[in-house]
């Protein structure tokens, strides 16, 4: 479904991604691991069109994403749930969800029901101003807003950041449920143990380069990964 090849991305003179290559097959959950500053968020932003690569290709089936505008990428079935939630705090829950469907021309009623089935709490707060939600509810809303685009590939950046442990488990269960509906997921997550537990494959980034890749179970048992991300 997605193939990234030899991606080089710069922030002015800073070489942020140095020849990154990886793939995501249809229906997969693939995790990107790495320390802060490794290039994980930059990778997602480049796929979704928020950043432009200096060289390299991003192929979504027959489409070259690196040549497209962000809204065109969304229409092709790629949705990005950014780090830090980035909801619209002055809009209601329903208005935020409708913003997620801004590229859609068909009815969104079925998509709203899907989001509310995943996150019943959002339905209870449908008229509430989003900025007054709890952190966990805001993360639910951010994921729900992404799903309103009816994506085939969902880019998730640190969905468990800042959440209580019980909510972290709920978010990961939800990610698995979304995947079971046929949505491929590219997941950036600091909680490496839980991310690898729900993923099929993973890649480890270090200072802008892929240093390890493999099946999720193999990475979970890799000495480098265990020392760096799994606590020994």
C-alpha atoms as a PDB file:
ATOM      1  CA  UNK A   1       0.000   0.000   0.000  1.00  0.00           C
ATOM      2  CA  UNK A   2       2.725   2.489   0.995  1.00  0.00           C
ATOM      3  CA  UNK A   3       6.355   2.394  -0.083  1.00  0.00           C
ATOM      4  CA  UNK A   4       8.864   5.017   1.043  1.00  0.00           C
ATOM      5  CA  UNK A   5      12.203   4.956  -0.768  1.00  0.00           C
ATOM      6  CA  UNK A   6      15.441   6.777   0.063  1.00  0.00           C
ATOM      7  CA  UNK A   7      13.711   9.752   1.670  1.00  0.00           C
ATOM      8  CA  UNK A   8      15.845  12.800   2.455  1.00  0.00           C
ATOM      9  CA  UNK A   9      14.252  15.687   4.340  1.00  0.00           C
ATOM     10  CA  UNK A  10      15.857  18.888   5.599  1.00  0.00           C
ATOM     11  CA  UNK A  11      14.913  21.635   8.031  1.00  0.00           C
ATOM     12  CA  UNK A  12      16.954  24.404   6.436  1.00  0.00           C
ATOM     13  CA  UNK A  13      20.519  23.079   6.823  1.00  0.00           C
ATOM     14  CA  UNK A  14      19.571  20.265   9.228  1.00  0.00           C
ATOM     15  CA  UNK A  15      19.451  16.858   7.518  1.00  0.00           C
ATOM     16  CA  UNK A  16      16.491  15.304   9.363  1.00  0.00           C
ATOM     17  CA  UNK A  17      15.879  12.159   7.298  1.00  0.00           C
ATOM     18  CA  UNK A  18      18.836  10.448   5.649  1.00  0.00           C
ATOM     19  CA  UNK A  19      17.699   7.907   3.096  1.00  0.00           C
ATOM     20  CA  UNK A  20      14.749   6.432   5.003  1.00  0.00           C
ATOM     21  CA  UNK A  21      13.054   3.488   3.288  1.00  0.00           C
ATOM     22  CA  UNK A  22      10.196   1.299   4.515  1.00  0.00           C
ATOM     23  CA  UNK A  23       6.818  -0.096   3.494  1.00  0.00           C
ATOM     24  CA  UNK A  24       3.340  -0.706   4.855  1.00  0.00           C
ATOM     25  CA  UNK A  25       1.217  -3.473   3.341  1.00  0.00           C
ATOM     26  CA  UNK A  26      -2.558  -3.409   3.178  1.00  0.00           C
ATOM     27  CA  UNK A  27      -4.093  -4.218   6.546  1.00  0.00           C
ATOM     28  CA  UNK A  28      -0.821  -4.039   8.486  1.00  0.00           C
ATOM     29  CA  UNK A  29       0.123  -2.202  11.642  1.00  0.00           C
ATOM     30  CA  UNK A  30       3.722  -1.035  11.300  1.00  0.00           C
ATOM     31  CA  UNK A  31       5.531   0.721  14.153  1.00  0.00           C
ATOM     32  CA  UNK A  32       8.290   3.316  13.901  1.00  0.00           C
ATOM     33  CA  UNK A  33      10.489   3.302  17.003  1.00  0.00           C
ATOM     34  CA  UNK A  34      13.205   5.737  17.958  1.00  0.00           C
ATOM     35  CA  UNK A  35      14.316   8.309  20.508  1.00  0.00           C
ATOM     36  CA  UNK A  36      13.169  11.922  20.429  1.00  0.00           C
ATOM     37  CA  UNK A  37      14.681  13.607  17.396  1.00  0.00           C
ATOM     38  CA  UNK A  38      15.171  10.347  15.484  1.00  0.00           C
ATOM     39  CA  UNK A  39      12.913  11.501  12.643  1.00  0.00           C
ATOM     40  CA  UNK A  40       9.660   9.667  13.372  1.00  0.00           C
ATOM     41  CA  UNK A  41       7.352  12.695  13.347  1.00  0.00           C
ATOM     42  CA  UNK A  42       9.206  14.154  10.366  1.00  0.00           C
ATOM     43  CA  UNK A  43       8.522  10.921   8.496  1.00  0.00           C
ATOM     44  CA  UNK A  44       4.774  11.130   9.132  1.00  0.00           C
ATOM     45  CA  UNK A  45       4.633  14.812   8.230  1.00  0.00           C
ATOM     46  CA  UNK A  46       6.416  14.116   4.963  1.00  0.00           C
ATOM     47  CA  UNK A  47       4.049  11.297   4.037  1.00  0.00           C
ATOM     48  CA  UNK A  48       1.017  13.504   4.706  1.00  0.00           C
ATOM     49  CA  UNK A  49       2.426  16.413   2.700  1.00  0.00           C
ATOM     50  CA  UNK A  50       3.148  18.807   5.554  1.00  0.00           C
ATOM     51  CA  UNK A  51       6.850  18.628   4.672  1.00  0.00           C
ATOM     52  CA  UNK A  52       8.471  18.221   1.271  1.00  0.00           C
ATOM     53  CA  UNK A  53      11.378  15.837   0.759  1.00  0.00           C
ATOM     54  CA  UNK A  54      14.486  17.078  -1.005  1.00  0.00           C
ATOM     55  CA  UNK A  55      14.746  13.657  -2.657  1.00  0.00           C
ATOM     56  CA  UNK A  56      13.223  10.215  -2.489  1.00  0.00           C
ATOM     57  CA  UNK A  57       9.764   8.849  -3.289  1.00  0.00           C
ATOM     58  CA  UNK A  58       6.561   8.117  -1.381  1.00  0.00           C
ATOM     59  CA  UNK A  59       4.282   5.779  -3.301  1.00  0.00           C
ATOM     60  CA  UNK A  60       0.699   5.070  -2.281  1.00  0.00           C
ATOM     61  CA  UNK A  61      -0.215   2.320  -4.711  1.00  0.00           C
ATOM     62  CA  UNK A  62       0.154   4.070  -8.115  1.00  0.00           C
ATOM     63  CA  UNK A  63       0.291   7.605  -6.703  1.00  0.00           C
ATOM     64  CA  UNK A  64       3.443   9.635  -5.981  1.00  0.00           C
ATOM     65  CA  UNK A  65       2.535  11.422  -2.748  1.00  0.00           C
ATOM     66  CA  UNK A  66       5.608  13.650  -2.713  1.00  0.00           C
ATOM     67  CA  UNK A  67       4.153  15.568  -5.681  1.00  0.00           C
ATOM     68  CA  UNK A  68       0.686  16.109  -4.165  1.00  0.00           C
ATOM     69  CA  UNK A  69      -0.885  18.707  -1.890  1.00  0.00           C
ATOM     70  CA  UNK A  70      -2.019  17.638   1.568  1.00  0.00           C
ATOM     71  CA  UNK A  71      -5.746  17.665   0.764  1.00  0.00           C
ATOM     72  CA  UNK A  72      -5.088  15.487  -2.281  1.00  0.00           C
ATOM     73  CA  UNK A  73      -3.257  12.976  -0.096  1.00  0.00           C
ATOM     74  CA  UNK A  74      -6.231  12.892   2.279  1.00  0.00           C
ATOM     75  CA  UNK A  75      -8.564  12.198  -0.643  1.00  0.00           C
ATOM     76  CA  UNK A  76      -6.401   9.220  -1.606  1.00  0.00           C
ATOM     77  CA  UNK A  77      -7.093   7.677   1.790  1.00  0.00           C
ATOM     78  CA  UNK A  78      -4.285   8.866   4.096  1.00  0.00           C
ATOM     79  CA  UNK A  79      -5.217  10.502   7.409  1.00  0.00           C
ATOM     80  CA  UNK A  80      -2.729  11.916   9.916  1.00  0.00           C
ATOM     81  CA  UNK A  81      -3.449  12.084  13.660  1.00  0.00           C
ATOM     82  CA  UNK A  82      -0.666  14.394  14.864  1.00  0.00           C
ATOM     83  CA  UNK A  83       1.325  14.392  18.057  1.00  0.00           C
ATOM     84  CA  UNK A  84      -0.256  16.622  20.684  1.00  0.00           C
ATOM     85  CA  UNK A  85      -3.818  16.001  19.391  1.00  0.00           C
ATOM     86  CA  UNK A  86      -4.174  19.396  17.644  1.00  0.00           C
ATOM     87  CA  UNK A  87      -7.942  19.489  18.021  1.00  0.00           C
ATOM     88  CA  UNK A  88      -9.879  22.707  17.415  1.00  0.00           C
ATOM     89  CA  UNK A  89     -10.430  23.757  21.045  1.00  0.00           C
ATOM     90  CA  UNK A  90     -13.199  26.317  20.425  1.00  0.00           C
ATOM     91  CA  UNK A  91     -15.277  23.978  18.277  1.00  0.00           C
ATOM     92  CA  UNK A  92     -17.602  21.314  19.645  1.00  0.00           C
ATOM     93  CA  UNK A  93     -16.907  17.607  19.451  1.00  0.00           C
ATOM     94  CA  UNK A  94     -19.296  17.270  16.505  1.00  0.00           C
ATOM     95  CA  UNK A  95     -17.757  20.249  14.698  1.00  0.00           C
ATOM     96  CA  UNK A  96     -14.271  18.770  15.135  1.00  0.00           C
ATOM     97  CA  UNK A  97     -15.437  15.462  13.689  1.00  0.00           C
ATOM     98  CA  UNK A  98     -17.060  17.186  10.737  1.00  0.00           C
ATOM     99  CA  UNK A  99     -13.796  19.023  10.074  1.00  0.00           C
ATOM    100  CA  UNK A 100     -12.176  15.609   9.656  1.00  0.00           C
ATOM    101  CA  UNK A 101     -14.565  14.925   6.779  1.00  0.00           C
ATOM    102  CA  UNK A 102     -13.948  18.204   4.935  1.00  0.00           C
ATOM    103  CA  UNK A 103     -12.723  16.434   1.774  1.00  0.00           C
ATOM    104  CA  UNK A 104     -15.759  14.157   1.688  1.00  0.00           C
ATOM    105  CA  UNK A 105     -18.814  14.697  -0.487  1.00  0.00           C
ATOM    106  CA  UNK A 106     -20.839  11.663   0.638  1.00  0.00           C
ATOM    107  CA  UNK A 107     -22.908  11.337   3.813  1.00  0.00           C
ATOM    108  CA  UNK A 108     -20.894  11.128   7.023  1.00  0.00           C
ATOM    109  CA  UNK A 109     -23.620   9.609   9.232  1.00  0.00           C
ATOM    110  CA  UNK A 110     -22.173   6.092   8.992  1.00  0.00           C
ATOM    111  CA  UNK A 111     -18.706   7.381   9.868  1.00  0.00           C
ATOM    112  CA  UNK A 112     -20.034   9.264  12.889  1.00  0.00           C
ATOM    113  CA  UNK A 113     -21.690   6.087  14.134  1.00  0.00           C
ATOM    114  CA  UNK A 114     -18.424   4.180  13.704  1.00  0.00           C
ATOM    115  CA  UNK A 115     -16.524   6.813  15.710  1.00  0.00           C
ATOM    116  CA  UNK A 116     -19.184   6.851  18.434  1.00  0.00           C
ATOM    117  CA  UNK A 117     -19.114   3.051  18.609  1.00  0.00           C
ATOM    118  CA  UNK A 118     -15.352   3.218  19.206  1.00  0.00           C
ATOM    119  CA  UNK A 119     -15.613   6.155  21.598  1.00  0.00           C
ATOM    120  CA  UNK A 120     -19.041   6.277  23.323  1.00  0.00           C
ATOM    121  CA  UNK A 121     -17.781   9.101  25.530  1.00  0.00           C
ATOM    122  CA  UNK A 122     -17.576  11.378  22.512  1.00  0.00           C
ATOM    123  CA  UNK A 123     -21.244  10.791  21.754  1.00  0.00           C
ATOM    124  CA  UNK A 124     -22.075  11.764  25.321  1.00  0.00           C
ATOM    125  CA  UNK A 125     -20.158  15.023  24.810  1.00  0.00           C
ATOM    126  CA  UNK A 126     -21.189  15.700  21.230  1.00  0.00           C
ATOM    127  CA  UNK A 127     -22.146  19.349  21.910  1.00  0.00           C
ATOM    128  CA  UNK A 128     -19.302  20.032  24.349  1.00  0.00           C
ATOM    129  CA  UNK A 129     -16.546  22.464  23.419  1.00  0.00           C
ATOM    130  CA  UNK A 130     -13.485  20.334  22.660  1.00  0.00           C
ATOM    131  CA  UNK A 131     -11.074  22.467  24.693  1.00  0.00           C
ATOM    132  CA  UNK A 132     -12.938  21.494  27.883  1.00  0.00           C
ATOM    133  CA  UNK A 133     -12.467  17.743  27.348  1.00  0.00           C
ATOM    134  CA  UNK A 134      -9.988  15.713  29.371  1.00  0.00           C
ATOM    135  CA  UNK A 135      -6.678  14.712  27.806  1.00  0.00           C
ATOM    136  CA  UNK A 136      -7.918  11.198  27.102  1.00  0.00           C
ATOM    137  CA  UNK A 137     -11.117  12.483  25.534  1.00  0.00           C
ATOM    138  CA  UNK A 138      -9.156  14.896  23.365  1.00  0.00           C
ATOM    139  CA  UNK A 139      -7.022  11.999  22.104  1.00  0.00           C
ATOM    140  CA  UNK A 140     -10.178  10.040  21.307  1.00  0.00           C
ATOM    141  CA  UNK A 141     -11.460  13.067  19.410  1.00  0.00           C
ATOM    142  CA  UNK A 142      -8.207  13.444  17.466  1.00  0.00           C
ATOM    143  CA  UNK A 143      -8.353   9.798  16.365  1.00  0.00           C
ATOM    144  CA  UNK A 144     -12.056  10.068  15.612  1.00  0.00           C
ATOM    145  CA  UNK A 145     -11.484  13.175  13.501  1.00  0.00           C
ATOM    146  CA  UNK A 146      -8.866  11.261  11.506  1.00  0.00           C
ATOM    147  CA  UNK A 147     -11.295   8.399  10.927  1.00  0.00           C
ATOM    148  CA  UNK A 148     -13.906  10.794   9.549  1.00  0.00           C
ATOM    149  CA  UNK A 149     -11.803  11.057   6.382  1.00  0.00           C
ATOM    150  CA  UNK A 150     -12.517   7.329   5.898  1.00  0.00           C
ATOM    151  CA  UNK A 151      -8.791   6.508   5.566  1.00  0.00           C
ATOM    152  CA  UNK A 152      -7.260   3.340   4.204  1.00  0.00           C
ATOM    153  CA  UNK A 153      -3.958   4.307   5.872  1.00  0.00           C
ATOM    154  CA  UNK A 154      -3.930   6.007   9.271  1.00  0.00           C
ATOM    155  CA  UNK A 155      -0.782   7.776  10.502  1.00  0.00           C
ATOM    156  CA  UNK A 156      -0.790   7.861  14.310  1.00  0.00           C
ATOM    157  CA  UNK A 157       1.805   9.998  16.103  1.00  0.00           C
ATOM    158  CA  UNK A 158       2.218   9.209  19.822  1.00  0.00           C
ATOM    159  CA  UNK A 159      -1.449   8.379  20.558  1.00  0.00           C
ATOM    160  CA  UNK A 160      -0.729   7.363  24.178  1.00  0.00           C
ATOM    161  CA  UNK A 161       1.378  10.399  25.123  1.00  0.00           C
ATOM    162  CA  UNK A 162       0.415  11.900  28.483  1.00  0.00           C
ATOM    163  CA  UNK A 163      -2.402   9.462  29.183  1.00  0.00           C
ATOM    164  CA  UNK A 164      -3.048   7.460  32.341  1.00  0.00           C
ATOM    165  CA  UNK A 165      -2.177   3.744  32.051  1.00  0.00           C
ATOM    166  CA  UNK A 166      -5.815   2.613  31.890  1.00  0.00           C
ATOM    167  CA  UNK A 167      -6.450   5.024  29.020  1.00  0.00           C
ATOM    168  CA  UNK A 168      -3.276   3.879  27.247  1.00  0.00           C
ATOM    169  CA  UNK A 169      -4.649   0.330  27.202  1.00  0.00           C
ATOM    170  CA  UNK A 170      -7.964   1.619  25.844  1.00  0.00           C
ATOM    171  CA  UNK A 171      -6.254   3.582  23.065  1.00  0.00           C
ATOM    172  CA  UNK A 172      -4.228   0.548  21.967  1.00  0.00           C
ATOM    173  CA  UNK A 173      -7.342  -1.638  21.992  1.00  0.00           C
ATOM    174  CA  UNK A 174      -8.998   0.970  19.793  1.00  0.00           C
ATOM    175  CA  UNK A 175      -6.045   1.020  17.394  1.00  0.00           C
ATOM    176  CA  UNK A 176      -6.354  -2.738  17.058  1.00  0.00           C
ATOM    177  CA  UNK A 177     -10.115  -2.439  16.458  1.00  0.00           C
ATOM    178  CA  UNK A 178      -9.572   0.161  13.734  1.00  0.00           C
ATOM    179  CA  UNK A 179      -7.033  -2.124  12.068  1.00  0.00           C
ATOM    180  CA  UNK A 180      -9.469  -5.036  12.203  1.00  0.00           C
ATOM    181  CA  UNK A 181     -11.810  -2.935  10.050  1.00  0.00           C
ATOM    182  CA  UNK A 182      -9.164  -3.094   7.311  1.00  0.00           C
ATOM    183  CA  UNK A 183      -7.357   0.200   7.955  1.00  0.00           C
ATOM    184  CA  UNK A 184      -3.573  -0.016   7.656  1.00  0.00           C
ATOM    185  CA  UNK A 185      -1.766   1.887  10.416  1.00  0.00           C
ATOM    186  CA  UNK A 186       1.672   3.473  10.600  1.00  0.00           C
ATOM    187  CA  UNK A 187       2.257   4.002  14.309  1.00  0.00           C
ATOM    188  CA  UNK A 188       4.809   6.236  16.030  1.00  0.00           C
ATOM    189  CA  UNK A 189       4.825   5.444  19.731  1.00  0.00           C
ATOM    190  CA  UNK A 190       7.142   5.816  22.722  1.00  0.00           C
ATOM    191  CA  UNK A 191       5.485   2.866  24.465  1.00  0.00           C
ATOM    192  CA  UNK A 192       7.496   0.382  22.448  1.00  0.00           C
ATOM    193  CA  UNK A 193       6.276  -2.730  24.257  1.00  0.00           C
ATOM    194  CA  UNK A 194       2.603  -2.078  23.586  1.00  0.00           C
ATOM    195  CA  UNK A 195       3.258  -0.818  20.057  1.00  0.00           C
ATOM    196  CA  UNK A 196       5.170  -3.960  19.098  1.00  0.00           C
ATOM    197  CA  UNK A 197       2.532  -6.140  20.758  1.00  0.00           C
ATOM    198  CA  UNK A 198      -0.141  -4.968  18.297  1.00  0.00           C
ATOM    199  CA  UNK A 199       2.093  -4.558  15.224  1.00  0.00           C
ATOM    200  CA  UNK A 200       3.108  -6.993  12.527  1.00  0.00           C
ATOM    201  CA  UNK A 201       6.393  -5.277  11.691  1.00  0.00           C
ATOM    202  CA  UNK A 202       8.563  -2.396  12.841  1.00  0.00           C
ATOM    203  CA  UNK A 203      11.457  -0.126  11.982  1.00  0.00           C
ATOM    204  CA  UNK A 204      13.917   1.574  14.335  1.00  0.00           C
ATOM    205  CA  UNK A 205      15.060   5.083  13.453  1.00  0.00           C
ATOM    206  CA  UNK A 206      18.214   6.686  14.807  1.00  0.00           C
ATOM    207  CA  UNK A 207      19.289  10.219  13.867  1.00  0.00           C
ATOM    208  CA  UNK A 208      17.268  10.121  10.674  1.00  0.00           C
ATOM    209  CA  UNK A 209      18.232   6.663   9.428  1.00  0.00           C
ATOM    210  CA  UNK A 210      16.648   3.203   9.675  1.00  0.00           C
ATOM    211  CA  UNK A 211      19.039   1.055  11.712  1.00  0.00           C
ATOM    212  CA  UNK A 212      16.836  -1.999  12.303  1.00  0.00           C
ATOM    213  CA  UNK A 213      13.755  -3.542  10.735  1.00  0.00           C
ATOM    214  CA  UNK A 214      11.881  -6.780  11.090  1.00  0.00           C
ATOM    215  CA  UNK A 215       8.889  -8.666  12.419  1.00  0.00           C
ATOM    216  CA  UNK A 216       7.498  -7.117  15.600  1.00  0.00           C
ATOM    217  CA  UNK A 217       8.258 -10.185  17.697  1.00  0.00           C
ATOM    218  CA  UNK A 218      11.842 -10.293  16.493  1.00  0.00           C
ATOM    219  CA  UNK A 219      12.334  -6.611  17.316  1.00  0.00           C
ATOM    220  CA  UNK A 220      10.833  -7.105  20.778  1.00  0.00           C
ATOM    221  CA  UNK A 221      13.497  -9.764  21.421  1.00  0.00           C
ATOM    222  CA  UNK A 222      16.360  -7.811  19.861  1.00  0.00           C
ATOM    223  CA  UNK A 223      19.013  -6.845  22.430  1.00  0.00           C
ATOM    224  CA  UNK A 224      19.411  -3.315  21.048  1.00  0.00           C
ATOM    225  CA  UNK A 225      15.665  -2.677  21.131  1.00  0.00           C
ATOM    226  CA  UNK A 226      15.290  -4.208  24.574  1.00  0.00           C
ATOM    227  CA  UNK A 227      18.066  -2.080  26.052  1.00  0.00           C
ATOM    228  CA  UNK A 228      17.002   1.157  24.378  1.00  0.00           C
ATOM    229  CA  UNK A 229      13.190   0.967  24.429  1.00  0.00           C
ATOM    230  CA  UNK A 230      11.990  -1.926  26.554  1.00  0.00           C
ATOM    231  CA  UNK A 231      13.938  -1.398  29.762  1.00  0.00           C
ATOM    232  CA  UNK A 232      16.566  -4.120  29.419  1.00  0.00           C
END
